[in-house]
Structures are given as structure tokens and as C-alpha cells.
Amino acid sequence: MEVLQLIANGLGNSEIAEALVIMVKTVRAHVSNILSKLHPKDYTQAAVYAWRAGVIQRKA
């Protein structure tokens, strides 16, 4: 959920890794899992799906 929230906030893999204090390889694994479950065409569609489903909320 945290990774998806950060994707929705426009962060890239390296920025997500830094924010969560994890390796970029771990971020890629999480992103891969997210994309395989949601079946979006790209990061933007994954974020939009999560937002519409109420999984994430846009930060002010």
C-alpha cells in the first residue's frame, strides 16, 4: 500500500526506496506484484485504479 501511495504521488523507484529505506530491487518486486494484480498498462493507471477504489488518498 505504501509503495502504491508513493507511486500515486509521482515518486520513482529510487525515490520510493529512499523514502521507505529499502533497496530499489525490493521496490521493483513490490511494483511488479502490484502491476500483476491490478493489470494496468502503466504506473499512472495503477495509481488511478487505487485512488478510485479508495485504497489511497491524494495528499494535500
C-alpha atoms as a PDB file:
ATOM      1  CA  MET A   1       0.000   0.000   0.000  1.00  0.00           C
ATOM      2  CA  GLU A   2       2.828   2.383   0.837  1.00  0.00           C
ATOM      3  CA  VAL A   3       4.509   1.741  -2.496  1.00  0.00           C
ATOM      4  CA  LEU A   4       1.257   2.351  -4.362  1.00  0.00           C
ATOM      5  CA  GLN A   5       0.705   5.579  -2.401  1.00  0.00           C
ATOM      6  CA  LEU A   6       4.176   6.792  -3.326  1.00  0.00           C
ATOM      7  CA  ILE A   7       3.666   5.854  -6.992  1.00  0.00           C
ATOM      8  CA  ALA A   8       0.437   7.873  -6.927  1.00  0.00           C
ATOM      9  CA  ASN A   9       2.402  10.806  -5.502  1.00  0.00           C
ATOM     10  CA  GLY A  10       4.702  10.672  -8.509  1.00  0.00           C
ATOM     11  CA  LEU A  11       7.807   9.118  -6.976  1.00  0.00           C
ATOM     12  CA  GLY A  12      10.124   6.897  -8.986  1.00  0.00           C
ATOM     13  CA  ASN A  13      11.634   3.618  -7.834  1.00  0.00           C
ATOM     14  CA  SER A  14      14.775   5.152  -6.348  1.00  0.00           C
ATOM     15  CA  GLU A  15      12.772   7.822  -4.528  1.00  0.00           C
ATOM     16  CA  ILE A  16      10.397   5.191  -3.148  1.00  0.00           C
ATOM     17  CA  ALA A  17      13.353   3.102  -1.984  1.00  0.00           C
ATOM     18  CA  GLU A  18      14.824   6.103  -0.203  1.00  0.00           C
ATOM     19  CA  ALA A  19      11.511   7.057   1.421  1.00  0.00           C
ATOM     20  CA  LEU A  20      10.884   3.527   2.712  1.00  0.00           C
ATOM     21  CA  VAL A  21      14.540   2.789   3.483  1.00  0.00           C
ATOM     22  CA  ILE A  22      14.568  -0.315   1.288  1.00  0.00           C
ATOM     23  CA  MET A  23      16.572  -1.364  -1.754  1.00  0.00           C
ATOM     24  CA  VAL A  24      15.470  -0.392  -5.267  1.00  0.00           C
ATOM     25  CA  LYS A  25      15.349  -4.119  -6.090  1.00  0.00           C
ATOM     26  CA  THR A  26      12.742  -4.562  -3.347  1.00  0.00           C
ATOM     27  CA  VAL A  27      10.713  -1.649  -4.720  1.00  0.00           C
ATOM     28  CA  ARG A  28      10.786  -3.249  -8.166  1.00  0.00           C
ATOM     29  CA  ALA A  29       9.489  -6.502  -6.681  1.00  0.00           C
ATOM     30  CA  HIS A  30       6.638  -4.678  -4.940  1.00  0.00           C
ATOM     31  CA  VAL A  31       5.786  -2.746  -8.102  1.00  0.00           C
ATOM     32  CA  SER A  32       5.825  -5.970 -10.115  1.00  0.00           C
ATOM     33  CA  ASN A  33       3.383  -7.546  -7.662  1.00  0.00           C
ATOM     34  CA  ILE A  34       1.112  -4.505  -7.818  1.00  0.00           C
ATOM     35  CA  LEU A  35       1.103  -4.454 -11.611  1.00  0.00           C
ATOM     36  CA  SER A  36       0.448  -8.200 -11.854  1.00  0.00           C
ATOM     37  CA  LYS A  37      -2.566  -7.907  -9.552  1.00  0.00           C
ATOM     38  CA  LEU A  38      -4.124  -4.744 -10.999  1.00  0.00           C
ATOM     39  CA  HIS A  39      -3.279  -5.377 -14.671  1.00  0.00           C
ATOM     40  CA  PRO A  40      -2.811  -1.700 -15.534  1.00  0.00           C
ATOM     41  CA  LYS A  41      -0.968  -0.556 -18.644  1.00  0.00           C
ATOM     42  CA  ASP A  42       1.372   1.668 -16.608  1.00  0.00           C
ATOM     43  CA  TYR A  43       2.064   3.280 -13.228  1.00  0.00           C
ATOM     44  CA  THR A  44      -0.498   6.008 -13.828  1.00  0.00           C
ATOM     45  CA  GLN A  45      -3.337   3.560 -14.365  1.00  0.00           C
ATOM     46  CA  ALA A  46      -2.323   1.652 -11.229  1.00  0.00           C
ATOM     47  CA  ALA A  47      -2.471   4.870  -9.199  1.00  0.00           C
ATOM     48  CA  VAL A  48      -5.824   5.886 -10.708  1.00  0.00           C
ATOM     49  CA  TYR A  49      -7.278   2.443 -10.006  1.00  0.00           C
ATOM     50  CA  ALA A  50      -6.131   2.564  -6.387  1.00  0.00           C
ATOM     51  CA  TRP A  51      -7.488   6.082  -5.935  1.00  0.00           C
ATOM     52  CA  ARG A  52     -10.895   5.205  -7.414  1.00  0.00           C
ATOM     53  CA  ALA A  53     -11.114   2.070  -5.270  1.00  0.00           C
ATOM     54  CA  GLY A  54     -10.410   4.160  -2.169  1.00  0.00           C
ATOM     55  CA  VAL A  55      -7.198   2.303  -1.439  1.00  0.00           C
ATOM     56  CA  ILE A  56      -5.177   5.511  -1.437  1.00  0.00           C
ATOM     57  CA  GLN A  57      -5.977   9.150  -0.916  1.00  0.00           C
ATOM     58  CA  ARG A  58      -4.276  12.071  -2.552  1.00  0.00           C
ATOM     59  CA  LYS A  59      -2.066  14.005  -0.168  1.00  0.00           C
ATOM     60  CA  ALA A  60      -2.680  17.735   0.050  1.00  0.00           C
END
